[in-house]
């Protein structure tokens, strides 16, 4: 029963993810990272397996985040929803400057 419910939730997540306004989401991520001094040559959005970059994109209906190096995906994380994926991706790129960020002022969702 639980497996059936989990499968149904995953199918629903895939459908929802495929209908998201990806251009807007990636634009906001770019803006936020740029505002905090992260150069755009460090990451790739909506482009899989770009060498020597942190990548975030949809793959088979799921969000994936990882560091791509020499054809390998290091630190691969898979998410069912974009909220968790985007939060993780931003945290991963900004974690070294976390003490300087006022997180309550950051809202890419609205």
PDB file of N, CA and C in Angstrom:
ATOM      1  N   UNK A   1       0.822  -1.195   0.000  1.00  0.00           N
ATOM      2  CA  UNK A   1       0.000   0.000   0.000  1.00  0.00           C
ATOM      3  C   UNK A   1       0.866   1.259   0.000  1.00  0.00           C
ATOM      4  N   UNK A   2       1.890   1.273   0.870  1.00  0.00           N
ATOM      5  CA  UNK A   2       2.764   2.450   0.939  1.00  0.00           C
ATOM      6  C   UNK A   2       3.522   2.632  -0.375  1.00  0.00           C
ATOM      7  N   UNK A   3       3.994   1.540  -0.945  1.00  0.00           N
ATOM      8  CA  UNK A   3       4.718   1.613  -2.210  1.00  0.00           C
ATOM      9  C   UNK A   3       3.824   2.190  -3.306  1.00  0.00           C
ATOM     10  N   UNK A   4       2.574   1.758  -3.356  1.00  0.00           N
ATOM     11  CA  UNK A   4       1.644   2.283  -4.355  1.00  0.00           C
ATOM     12  C   UNK A   4       1.434   3.784  -4.177  1.00  0.00           C
ATOM     13  N   UNK A   5       1.312   4.225  -2.921  1.00  0.00           N
ATOM     14  CA  UNK A   5       1.123   5.650  -2.653  1.00  0.00           C
ATOM     15  C   UNK A   5       2.367   6.438  -3.063  1.00  0.00           C
ATOM     16  N   UNK A   6       3.552   5.909  -2.720  1.00  0.00           N
ATOM     17  CA  UNK A   6       4.795   6.585  -3.095  1.00  0.00           C
ATOM     18  C   UNK A   6       4.936   6.690  -4.608  1.00  0.00           C
ATOM     19  N   UNK A   7       4.596   5.636  -5.317  1.00  0.00           N
ATOM     20  CA  UNK A   7       4.666   5.665  -6.781  1.00  0.00           C
ATOM     21  C   UNK A   7       3.702   6.697  -7.352  1.00  0.00           C
ATOM     22  N   UNK A   8       2.501   6.760  -6.792  1.00  0.00           N
ATOM     23  CA  UNK A   8       1.518   7.743  -7.259  1.00  0.00           C
ATOM     24  C   UNK A   8       2.014   9.164  -7.005  1.00  0.00           C
ATOM     25  N   UNK A   9       2.626   9.400  -5.838  1.00  0.00           N
ATOM     26  CA  UNK A   9       3.163  10.726  -5.529  1.00  0.00           C
ATOM     27  C   UNK A   9       4.295  11.092  -6.480  1.00  0.00           C
ATOM     28  N   UNK A  10       5.154  10.138  -6.806  1.00  0.00           N
ATOM     29  CA  UNK A  10       6.254  10.402  -7.733  1.00  0.00           C
ATOM     30  C   UNK A  10       5.738  10.720  -9.131  1.00  0.00           C
ATOM     31  N   UNK A  11       4.720  10.016  -9.566  1.00  0.00           N
ATOM     32  CA  UNK A  11       4.134  10.291 -10.882  1.00  0.00           C
ATOM     33  C   UNK A  11       3.532  11.686 -10.897  1.00  0.00           C
ATOM     34  N   UNK A  12       2.824  12.048  -9.840  1.00  0.00           N
ATOM     35  CA  UNK A  12       2.236  13.381  -9.745  1.00  0.00           C
ATOM     36  C   UNK A  12       3.325  14.452  -9.737  1.00  0.00           C
ATOM     37  N   UNK A  13       4.401  14.224  -8.988  1.00  0.00           N
ATOM     38  CA  UNK A  13       5.506  15.190  -8.936  1.00  0.00           C
ATOM     39  C   UNK A  13       6.108  15.392 -10.321  1.00  0.00           C
ATOM     40  N   UNK A  14       6.280  14.318 -11.060  1.00  0.00           N
ATOM     41  CA  UNK A  14       6.827  14.425 -12.415  1.00  0.00           C
ATOM     42  C   UNK A  14       5.938  15.292 -13.302  1.00  0.00           C
ATOM     43  N   UNK A  15       4.634  15.071 -13.226  1.00  0.00           N
ATOM     44  CA  UNK A  15       3.685  15.832 -14.042  1.00  0.00           C
ATOM     45  C   UNK A  15       3.742  17.311 -13.675  1.00  0.00           C
ATOM     46  N   UNK A  16       3.731  17.603 -12.386  1.00  0.00           N
ATOM     47  CA  UNK A  16       3.789  18.993 -11.925  1.00  0.00           C
ATOM     48  C   UNK A  16       5.088  19.646 -12.376  1.00  0.00           C
ATOM     49  N   UNK A  17       6.208  18.954 -12.210  1.00  0.00           N
ATOM     50  CA  UNK A  17       7.510  19.518 -12.581  1.00  0.00           C
ATOM     51  C   UNK A  17       7.594  19.866 -14.058  1.00  0.00           C
ATOM     52  N   UNK A  18       6.971  19.073 -14.898  1.00  0.00           N
ATOM     53  CA  UNK A  18       7.044  19.316 -16.336  1.00  0.00           C
ATOM     54  C   UNK A  18       6.224  20.535 -16.760  1.00  0.00           C
ATOM     55  N   UNK A  19       5.352  21.035 -15.875  1.00  0.00           N
ATOM     56  CA  UNK A  19       4.504  22.180 -16.209  1.00  0.00           C
ATOM     57  C   UNK A  19       4.973  23.475 -15.549  1.00  0.00           C
ATOM     58  N   UNK A  20       6.085  23.439 -14.850  1.00  0.00           N
ATOM     59  CA  UNK A  20       6.584  24.629 -14.155  1.00  0.00           C
ATOM     60  C   UNK A  20       7.153  25.652 -15.138  1.00  0.00           C
ATOM     61  N   UNK A  21       7.108  26.938 -14.783  1.00  0.00           N
ATOM     62  CA  UNK A  21       7.712  27.987 -15.630  1.00  0.00           C
ATOM     63  C   UNK A  21       9.236  28.004 -15.440  1.00  0.00           C
ATOM     64  N   UNK A  22       9.912  27.081 -16.076  1.00  0.00           N
ATOM     65  CA  UNK A  22      11.347  26.890 -15.852  1.00  0.00           C
ATOM     66  C   UNK A  22      12.167  28.137 -16.149  1.00  0.00           C
ATOM     67  N   UNK A  23      11.848  28.838 -17.219  1.00  0.00           N
ATOM     68  CA  UNK A  23      12.619  30.040 -17.549  1.00  0.00           C
ATOM     69  C   UNK A  23      12.574  31.051 -16.409  1.00  0.00           C
ATOM     70  N   UNK A  24      11.408  31.239 -15.820  1.00  0.00           N
ATOM     71  CA  UNK A  24      11.273  32.182 -14.704  1.00  0.00           C
ATOM     72  C   UNK A  24      12.042  31.704 -13.481  1.00  0.00           C
ATOM     73  N   UNK A  25      11.949  30.426 -13.189  1.00  0.00           N
ATOM     74  CA  UNK A  25      12.657  29.874 -12.029  1.00  0.00           C
ATOM     75  C   UNK A  25      14.158  30.051 -12.198  1.00  0.00           C
ATOM     76  N   UNK A  26      14.689  29.678 -13.353  1.00  0.00           N
ATOM     77  CA  UNK A  26      16.130  29.785 -13.576  1.00  0.00           C
ATOM     78  C   UNK A  26      16.583  31.241 -13.614  1.00  0.00           C
ATOM     79  N   UNK A  27      15.756  32.124 -14.142  1.00  0.00           N
ATOM     80  CA  UNK A  27      16.083  33.553 -14.149  1.00  0.00           C
ATOM     81  C   UNK A  27      16.218  34.077 -12.722  1.00  0.00           C
ATOM     82  N   UNK A  28      15.301  33.703 -11.850  1.00  0.00           N
ATOM     83  CA  UNK A  28      15.354  34.159 -10.458  1.00  0.00           C
ATOM     84  C   UNK A  28      16.561  33.589  -9.726  1.00  0.00           C
ATOM     85  N   UNK A  29      16.898  32.341 -10.000  1.00  0.00           N
ATOM     86  CA  UNK A  29      18.099  31.756  -9.390  1.00  0.00           C
ATOM     87  C   UNK A  29      19.327  32.530  -9.848  1.00  0.00           C
ATOM     88  N   UNK A  30      19.428  32.800 -11.150  1.00  0.00           N
ATOM     89  CA  UNK A  30      20.553  33.589 -11.677  1.00  0.00           C
ATOM     90  C   UNK A  30      20.650  34.942 -10.996  1.00  0.00           C
ATOM     91  N   UNK A  31      19.514  35.618 -10.873  1.00  0.00           N
ATOM     92  CA  UNK A  31      19.493  36.944 -10.257  1.00  0.00           C
ATOM     93  C   UNK A  31      19.966  36.884  -8.807  1.00  0.00           C
ATOM     94  N   UNK A  32      19.428  35.943  -8.060  1.00  0.00           N
ATOM     95  CA  UNK A  32      19.776  35.829  -6.652  1.00  0.00           C
ATOM     96  C   UNK A  32      21.257  35.517  -6.463  1.00  0.00           C
ATOM     97  N   UNK A  33      21.767  34.562  -7.216  1.00  0.00           N
ATOM     98  CA  UNK A  33      23.180  34.203  -7.087  1.00  0.00           C
ATOM     99  C   UNK A  33      24.075  35.362  -7.508  1.00  0.00           C
ATOM    100  N   UNK A  34      23.715  36.040  -8.570  1.00  0.00           N
ATOM    101  CA  UNK A  34      24.476  37.206  -9.020  1.00  0.00           C
ATOM    102  C   UNK A  34      24.476  38.298  -7.955  1.00  0.00           C
ATOM    103  N   UNK A  35      23.318  38.536  -7.338  1.00  0.00           N
ATOM    104  CA  UNK A  35      23.217  39.545  -6.279  1.00  0.00           C
ATOM    105  C   UNK A  35      24.132  39.246  -5.099  1.00  0.00           C
ATOM    106  N   UNK A  36      24.483  37.977  -4.926  1.00  0.00           N
ATOM    107  CA  UNK A  36      25.348  37.584  -3.819  1.00  0.00           C
ATOM    108  C   UNK A  36      26.771  37.260  -4.276  1.00  0.00           C
ATOM    109  N   UNK A  37      27.114  37.693  -5.475  1.00  0.00           N
ATOM    110  CA  UNK A  37      28.492  37.603  -5.939  1.00  0.00           C
ATOM    111  C   UNK A  37      28.932  36.273  -6.511  1.00  0.00           C
ATOM    112  N   UNK A  38      28.002  35.385  -6.798  1.00  0.00           N
ATOM    113  CA  UNK A  38      28.364  34.098  -7.395  1.00  0.00           C
ATOM    114  C   UNK A  38      28.439  34.286  -8.907  1.00  0.00           C
ATOM    115  N   UNK A  39      29.604  34.022  -9.469  1.00  0.00           N
ATOM    116  CA  UNK A  39      29.807  34.179 -10.906  1.00  0.00           C
ATOM    117  C   UNK A  39      29.055  33.084 -11.665  1.00  0.00           C
ATOM    118  N   UNK A  40      28.503  33.443 -12.823  1.00  0.00           N
ATOM    119  CA  UNK A  40      27.712  32.462 -13.568  1.00  0.00           C
ATOM    120  C   UNK A  40      28.556  31.394 -14.261  1.00  0.00           C
ATOM    121  N   UNK A  41      29.870  31.501 -14.189  1.00  0.00           N
ATOM    122  CA  UNK A  41      30.707  30.443 -14.757  1.00  0.00           C
ATOM    123  C   UNK A  41      30.950  29.303 -13.765  1.00  0.00           C
ATOM    124  N   UNK A  42      30.329  29.394 -12.586  1.00  0.00           N
ATOM    125  CA  UNK A  42      30.476  28.379 -11.549  1.00  0.00           C
ATOM    126  C   UNK A  42      29.357  27.337 -11.635  1.00  0.00           C
ATOM    127  N   UNK A  43      28.246  27.697 -12.263  1.00  0.00           N
ATOM    128  CA  UNK A  43      27.085  26.814 -12.268  1.00  0.00           C
ATOM    129  C   UNK A  43      26.414  26.796 -13.640  1.00  0.00           C
ATOM    130  N   UNK A  44      25.600  25.763 -13.834  1.00  0.00           N
ATOM    131  CA  UNK A  44      24.832  25.611 -15.077  1.00  0.00           C
ATOM    132  C   UNK A  44      23.393  25.271 -14.705  1.00  0.00           C
ATOM    133  N   UNK A  45      22.467  26.053 -15.218  1.00  0.00           N
ATOM    134  CA  UNK A  45      21.050  25.823 -14.964  1.00  0.00           C
ATOM    135  C   UNK A  45      20.383  25.286 -16.219  1.00  0.00           C
ATOM    136  N   UNK A  46      19.617  24.233 -16.042  1.00  0.00           N
ATOM    137  CA  UNK A  46      18.873  23.616 -17.133  1.00  0.00           C
ATOM    138  C   UNK A  46      19.786  23.052 -18.221  1.00  0.00           C
ATOM    139  N   UNK A  47      21.017  22.729 -17.836  1.00  0.00           N
ATOM    140  CA  UNK A  47      21.995  22.141 -18.756  1.00  0.00           C
ATOM    141  C   UNK A  47      22.699  21.001 -18.025  1.00  0.00           C
ATOM    142  N   UNK A  48      22.454  19.777 -18.407  1.00  0.00           N
ATOM    143  CA  UNK A  48      23.069  18.655 -17.694  1.00  0.00           C
ATOM    144  C   UNK A  48      24.542  18.457 -18.027  1.00  0.00           C
ATOM    145  N   UNK A  49      25.271  18.001 -17.027  1.00  0.00           N
ATOM    146  CA  UNK A  49      26.635  17.498 -17.189  1.00  0.00           C
ATOM    147  C   UNK A  49      27.606  18.475 -17.836  1.00  0.00           C
ATOM    148  N   UNK A  50      27.584  19.722 -17.403  1.00  0.00           N
ATOM    149  CA  UNK A  50      28.553  20.712 -17.867  1.00  0.00           C
ATOM    150  C   UNK A  50      29.761  20.619 -16.944  1.00  0.00           C
ATOM    151  N   UNK A  51      30.911  20.264 -17.499  1.00  0.00           N
ATOM    152  CA  UNK A  51      32.108  20.006 -16.692  1.00  0.00           C
ATOM    153  C   UNK A  51      32.509  21.187 -15.815  1.00  0.00           C
ATOM    154  N   UNK A  52      32.941  20.853 -14.609  1.00  0.00           N
ATOM    155  CA  UNK A  52      33.454  21.814 -13.629  1.00  0.00           C
ATOM    156  C   UNK A  52      32.427  22.866 -13.244  1.00  0.00           C
ATOM    157  N   UNK A  53      31.175  22.457 -13.150  1.00  0.00           N
ATOM    158  CA  UNK A  53      30.106  23.369 -12.735  1.00  0.00           C
ATOM    159  C   UNK A  53      29.123  22.637 -11.826  1.00  0.00           C
ATOM    160  N   UNK A  54      28.473  23.432 -10.975  1.00  0.00           N
ATOM    161  CA  UNK A  54      27.336  22.935 -10.207  1.00  0.00           C
ATOM    162  C   UNK A  54      26.133  22.979 -11.142  1.00  0.00           C
ATOM    163  N   UNK A  55      25.420  21.886 -11.240  1.00  0.00           N
ATOM    164  CA  UNK A  55      24.312  21.781 -12.191  1.00  0.00           C
ATOM    165  C   UNK A  55      22.980  21.601 -11.468  1.00  0.00           C
ATOM    166  N   UNK A  56      21.954  22.216 -12.024  1.00  0.00           N
ATOM    167  CA  UNK A  56      20.580  22.034 -11.557  1.00  0.00           C
ATOM    168  C   UNK A  56      19.691  21.970 -12.791  1.00  0.00           C
ATOM    169  N   UNK A  57      18.931  20.889 -12.907  1.00  0.00           N
ATOM    170  CA  UNK A  57      18.030  20.749 -14.051  1.00  0.00           C
ATOM    171  C   UNK A  57      17.013  19.650 -13.778  1.00  0.00           C
ATOM    172  N   UNK A  58      16.035  19.580 -14.645  1.00  0.00           N
ATOM    173  CA  UNK A  58      15.060  18.495 -14.599  1.00  0.00           C
ATOM    174  C   UNK A  58      15.585  17.323 -15.411  1.00  0.00           C
ATOM    175  N   UNK A  59      15.382  16.134 -14.874  1.00  0.00           N
ATOM    176  CA  UNK A  59      15.779  14.927 -15.594  1.00  0.00           C
ATOM    177  C   UNK A  59      14.703  13.866 -15.360  1.00  0.00           C
ATOM    178  N   UNK A  60      14.054  13.475 -16.422  1.00  0.00           N
ATOM    179  CA  UNK A  60      12.975  12.486 -16.355  1.00  0.00           C
ATOM    180  C   UNK A  60      11.914  12.883 -15.328  1.00  0.00           C
ATOM    181  N   UNK A  61      11.648  14.183 -15.234  1.00  0.00           N
ATOM    182  CA  UNK A  61      10.596  14.675 -14.357  1.00  0.00           C
ATOM    183  C   UNK A  61      11.016  14.972 -12.935  1.00  0.00           C
ATOM    184  N   UNK A  62      12.270  14.693 -12.584  1.00  0.00           N
ATOM    185  CA  UNK A  62      12.780  14.980 -11.249  1.00  0.00           C
ATOM    186  C   UNK A  62      13.874  16.036 -11.330  1.00  0.00           C
ATOM    187  N   UNK A  63      14.035  16.795 -10.252  1.00  0.00           N
ATOM    188  CA  UNK A  63      15.090  17.802 -10.165  1.00  0.00           C
ATOM    189  C   UNK A  63      16.370  17.135  -9.698  1.00  0.00           C
ATOM    190  N   UNK A  64      17.483  17.435 -10.356  1.00  0.00           N
ATOM    191  CA  UNK A  64      18.778  16.906  -9.941  1.00  0.00           C
ATOM    192  C   UNK A  64      19.766  18.050  -9.757  1.00  0.00           C
ATOM    193  N   UNK A  65      20.578  17.909  -8.728  1.00  0.00           N
ATOM    194  CA  UNK A  65      21.614  18.887  -8.416  1.00  0.00           C
ATOM    195  C   UNK A  65      22.891  18.116  -8.116  1.00  0.00           C
ATOM    196  N   UNK A  66      24.011  18.582  -8.662  1.00  0.00           N
ATOM    197  CA  UNK A  66      25.278  17.887  -8.468  1.00  0.00           C
ATOM    198  C   UNK A  66      26.410  18.770  -8.974  1.00  0.00           C
ATOM    199  N   UNK A  67      27.640  18.346  -8.693  1.00  0.00           N
ATOM    200  CA  UNK A  67      28.809  18.987  -9.279  1.00  0.00           C
ATOM    201  C   UNK A  67      29.310  18.061 -10.374  1.00  0.00           C
ATOM    202  N   UNK A  68      29.456  18.594 -11.571  1.00  0.00           N
ATOM    203  CA  UNK A  68      29.892  17.797 -12.714  1.00  0.00           C
ATOM    204  C   UNK A  68      31.394  17.975 -12.923  1.00  0.00           C
ATOM    205  N   UNK A  69      32.087  16.850 -12.953  1.00  0.00           N
ATOM    206  CA  UNK A  69      33.532  16.899 -13.156  1.00  0.00           C
ATOM    207  C   UNK A  69      33.980  15.639 -13.883  1.00  0.00           C
ATOM    208  N   UNK A  70      34.660  15.829 -15.003  1.00  0.00           N
ATOM    209  CA  UNK A  70      35.207  14.722 -15.789  1.00  0.00           C
ATOM    210  C   UNK A  70      34.164  13.654 -16.102  1.00  0.00           C
ATOM    211  N   UNK A  71      32.976  14.103 -16.434  1.00  0.00           N
ATOM    212  CA  UNK A  71      31.916  13.175 -16.797  1.00  0.00           C
ATOM    213  C   UNK A  71      31.204  12.522 -15.626  1.00  0.00           C
ATOM    214  N   UNK A  72      31.610  12.850 -14.403  1.00  0.00           N
ATOM    215  CA  UNK A  72      30.974  12.271 -13.220  1.00  0.00           C
ATOM    216  C   UNK A  72      30.083  13.270 -12.511  1.00  0.00           C
ATOM    217  N   UNK A  73      29.088  12.749 -11.840  1.00  0.00           N
ATOM    218  CA  UNK A  73      28.177  13.574 -11.047  1.00  0.00           C
ATOM    219  C   UNK A  73      28.517  13.366  -9.573  1.00  0.00           C
ATOM    220  N   UNK A  74      29.071  14.382  -8.970  1.00  0.00           N
ATOM    221  CA  UNK A  74      29.504  14.286  -7.581  1.00  0.00           C
ATOM    222  C   UNK A  74      28.514  15.009  -6.677  1.00  0.00           C
ATOM    223  N   UNK A  75      28.167  14.380  -5.559  1.00  0.00           N
ATOM    224  CA  UNK A  75      27.208  14.974  -4.640  1.00  0.00           C
ATOM    225  C   UNK A  75      25.805  15.013  -5.210  1.00  0.00           C
ATOM    226  N   UNK A  76      25.460  14.019  -5.999  1.00  0.00           N
ATOM    227  CA  UNK A  76      24.158  13.984  -6.667  1.00  0.00           C
ATOM    228  C   UNK A  76      23.017  13.962  -5.655  1.00  0.00           C
ATOM    229  N   UNK A  77      22.082  14.884  -5.826  1.00  0.00           N
ATOM    230  CA  UNK A  77      20.855  14.931  -5.025  1.00  0.00           C
ATOM    231  C   UNK A  77      19.674  14.978  -5.979  1.00  0.00           C
ATOM    232  N   UNK A  78      18.656  14.192  -5.685  1.00  0.00           N
ATOM    233  CA  UNK A  78      17.462  14.117  -6.522  1.00  0.00           C
ATOM    234  C   UNK A  78      16.271  14.586  -5.695  1.00  0.00           C
ATOM    235  N   UNK A  79      15.456  15.458  -6.290  1.00  0.00           N
ATOM    236  CA  UNK A  79      14.319  16.050  -5.585  1.00  0.00           C
ATOM    237  C   UNK A  79      13.039  15.855  -6.389  1.00  0.00           C
ATOM    238  N   UNK A  80      11.945  15.687  -5.672  1.00  0.00           N
ATOM    239  CA  UNK A  80      10.627  15.576  -6.314  1.00  0.00           C
ATOM    240  C   UNK A  80      10.017  16.937  -6.586  1.00  0.00           C
ATOM    241  N   UNK A  81      10.394  17.954  -5.803  1.00  0.00           N
ATOM    242  CA  UNK A  81       9.782  19.265  -6.015  1.00  0.00           C
ATOM    243  C   UNK A  81      10.847  20.345  -6.152  1.00  0.00           C
ATOM    244  N   UNK A  82      10.485  21.391  -6.850  1.00  0.00           N
ATOM    245  CA  UNK A  82      11.462  22.428  -7.149  1.00  0.00           C
ATOM    246  C   UNK A  82      11.813  23.268  -5.934  1.00  0.00           C
ATOM    247  N   UNK A  83      10.913  23.389  -4.970  1.00  0.00           N
ATOM    248  CA  UNK A  83      11.230  24.175  -3.778  1.00  0.00           C
ATOM    249  C   UNK A  83      12.468  23.617  -3.078  1.00  0.00           C
ATOM    250  N   UNK A  84      12.464  22.323  -2.828  1.00  0.00           N
ATOM    251  CA  UNK A  84      13.598  21.701  -2.148  1.00  0.00           C
ATOM    252  C   UNK A  84      14.856  21.747  -3.007  1.00  0.00           C
ATOM    253  N   UNK A  85      14.697  21.495  -4.298  1.00  0.00           N
ATOM    254  CA  UNK A  85      15.852  21.492  -5.198  1.00  0.00           C
ATOM    255  C   UNK A  85      16.504  22.868  -5.271  1.00  0.00           C
ATOM    256  N   UNK A  86      15.689  23.902  -5.429  1.00  0.00           N
ATOM    257  CA  UNK A  86      16.216  25.264  -5.545  1.00  0.00           C
ATOM    258  C   UNK A  86      16.852  25.708  -4.236  1.00  0.00           C
ATOM    259  N   UNK A  87      16.203  25.432  -3.128  1.00  0.00           N
ATOM    260  CA  UNK A  87      16.781  25.796  -1.825  1.00  0.00           C
ATOM    261  C   UNK A  87      18.127  25.125  -1.616  1.00  0.00           C
ATOM    262  N   UNK A  88      18.205  23.838  -1.928  1.00  0.00           N
ATOM    263  CA  UNK A  88      19.467  23.122  -1.764  1.00  0.00           C
ATOM    264  C   UNK A  88      20.542  23.705  -2.680  1.00  0.00           C
ATOM    265  N   UNK A  89      20.196  23.930  -3.934  1.00  0.00           N
ATOM    266  CA  UNK A  89      21.168  24.440  -4.902  1.00  0.00           C
ATOM    267  C   UNK A  89      21.720  25.791  -4.463  1.00  0.00           C
ATOM    268  N   UNK A  90      20.827  26.689  -4.048  1.00  0.00           N
ATOM    269  CA  UNK A  90      21.258  28.015  -3.593  1.00  0.00           C
ATOM    270  C   UNK A  90      22.109  27.891  -2.339  1.00  0.00           C
ATOM    271  N   UNK A  91      21.661  27.083  -1.390  1.00  0.00           N
ATOM    272  CA  UNK A  91      22.451  26.883  -0.165  1.00  0.00           C
ATOM    273  C   UNK A  91      23.838  26.350  -0.511  1.00  0.00           C
ATOM    274  N   UNK A  92      23.898  25.394  -1.408  1.00  0.00           N
ATOM    275  CA  UNK A  92      25.174  24.775  -1.765  1.00  0.00           C
ATOM    276  C   UNK A  92      26.153  25.805  -2.334  1.00  0.00           C
ATOM    277  N   UNK A  93      25.664  26.739  -3.125  1.00  0.00           N
ATOM    278  CA  UNK A  93      26.539  27.745  -3.723  1.00  0.00           C
ATOM    279  C   UNK A  93      26.838  28.911  -2.789  1.00  0.00           C
ATOM    280  N   UNK A  94      25.973  29.150  -1.814  1.00  0.00           N
ATOM    281  CA  UNK A  94      26.160  30.301  -0.925  1.00  0.00           C
ATOM    282  C   UNK A  94      26.625  29.916   0.477  1.00  0.00           C
ATOM    283  N   UNK A  95      26.817  28.653   0.744  1.00  0.00           N
ATOM    284  CA  UNK A  95      27.098  28.225   2.117  1.00  0.00           C
ATOM    285  C   UNK A  95      28.365  28.821   2.702  1.00  0.00           C
ATOM    286  N   UNK A  96      29.331  29.157   1.873  1.00  0.00           N
ATOM    287  CA  UNK A  96      30.573  29.742   2.392  1.00  0.00           C
ATOM    288  C   UNK A  96      30.403  31.184   2.844  1.00  0.00           C
ATOM    289  N   UNK A  97      29.333  31.835   2.394  1.00  0.00           N
ATOM    290  CA  UNK A  97      29.093  33.214   2.825  1.00  0.00           C
ATOM    291  C   UNK A  97      27.824  33.319   3.670  1.00  0.00           C
ATOM    292  N   UNK A  98      27.352  32.187   4.179  1.00  0.00           N
ATOM    293  CA  UNK A  98      26.106  32.164   4.950  1.00  0.00           C
ATOM    294  C   UNK A  98      26.036  33.205   6.058  1.00  0.00           C
ATOM    295  N   UNK A  99      27.080  33.412   6.851  1.00  0.00           N
ATOM    296  CA  UNK A  99      26.946  34.383   7.944  1.00  0.00           C
ATOM    297  C   UNK A  99      26.628  35.795   7.455  1.00  0.00           C
ATOM    298  N   UNK A 100      27.000  36.113   6.228  1.00  0.00           N
ATOM    299  CA  UNK A 100      26.783  37.455   5.701  1.00  0.00           C
ATOM    300  C   UNK A 100      25.430  37.634   5.018  1.00  0.00           C
ATOM    301  N   UNK A 101      24.675  36.577   4.861  1.00  0.00           N
ATOM    302  CA  UNK A 101      23.407  36.652   4.142  1.00  0.00           C
ATOM    303  C   UNK A 101      22.257  36.817   5.125  1.00  0.00           C
ATOM    304  N   UNK A 102      21.362  37.717   4.795  1.00  0.00           N
ATOM    305  CA  UNK A 102      20.139  37.881   5.579  1.00  0.00           C
ATOM    306  C   UNK A 102      19.047  37.074   4.884  1.00  0.00           C
ATOM    307  N   UNK A 103      18.913  35.822   5.282  1.00  0.00           N
ATOM    308  CA  UNK A 103      18.048  34.879   4.590  1.00  0.00           C
ATOM    309  C   UNK A 103      16.585  35.296   4.583  1.00  0.00           C
ATOM    310  N   UNK A 104      16.133  36.015   5.598  1.00  0.00           N
ATOM    311  CA  UNK A 104      14.722  36.399   5.627  1.00  0.00           C
ATOM    312  C   UNK A 104      14.365  37.347   4.492  1.00  0.00           C
ATOM    313  N   UNK A 105      15.359  37.992   3.885  1.00  0.00           N
ATOM    314  CA  UNK A 105      15.097  38.907   2.771  1.00  0.00           C
ATOM    315  C   UNK A 105      15.074  38.194   1.422  1.00  0.00           C
ATOM    316  N   UNK A 106      15.451  36.931   1.415  1.00  0.00           N
ATOM    317  CA  UNK A 106      15.511  36.178   0.167  1.00  0.00           C
ATOM    318  C   UNK A 106      14.211  35.402  -0.011  1.00  0.00           C
ATOM    319  N   UNK A 107      13.517  35.680  -1.105  1.00  0.00           N
ATOM    320  CA  UNK A 107      12.274  34.976  -1.403  1.00  0.00           C
ATOM    321  C   UNK A 107      12.156  34.864  -2.919  1.00  0.00           C
ATOM    322  N   UNK A 108      12.599  33.749  -3.467  1.00  0.00           N
ATOM    323  CA  UNK A 108      12.548  33.608  -4.923  1.00  0.00           C
ATOM    324  C   UNK A 108      11.194  33.094  -5.392  1.00  0.00           C
ATOM    325  N   UNK A 109      10.307  32.796  -4.462  1.00  0.00           N
ATOM    326  CA  UNK A 109       9.036  32.181  -4.831  1.00  0.00           C
ATOM    327  C   UNK A 109       7.892  33.169  -4.932  1.00  0.00           C
ATOM    328  N   UNK A 110       8.125  34.423  -4.659  1.00  0.00           N
ATOM    329  CA  UNK A 110       6.967  35.297  -4.716  1.00  0.00           C
ATOM    330  C   UNK A 110       7.306  36.677  -4.510  1.00  0.00           C
TER     331      UNK A 110
END
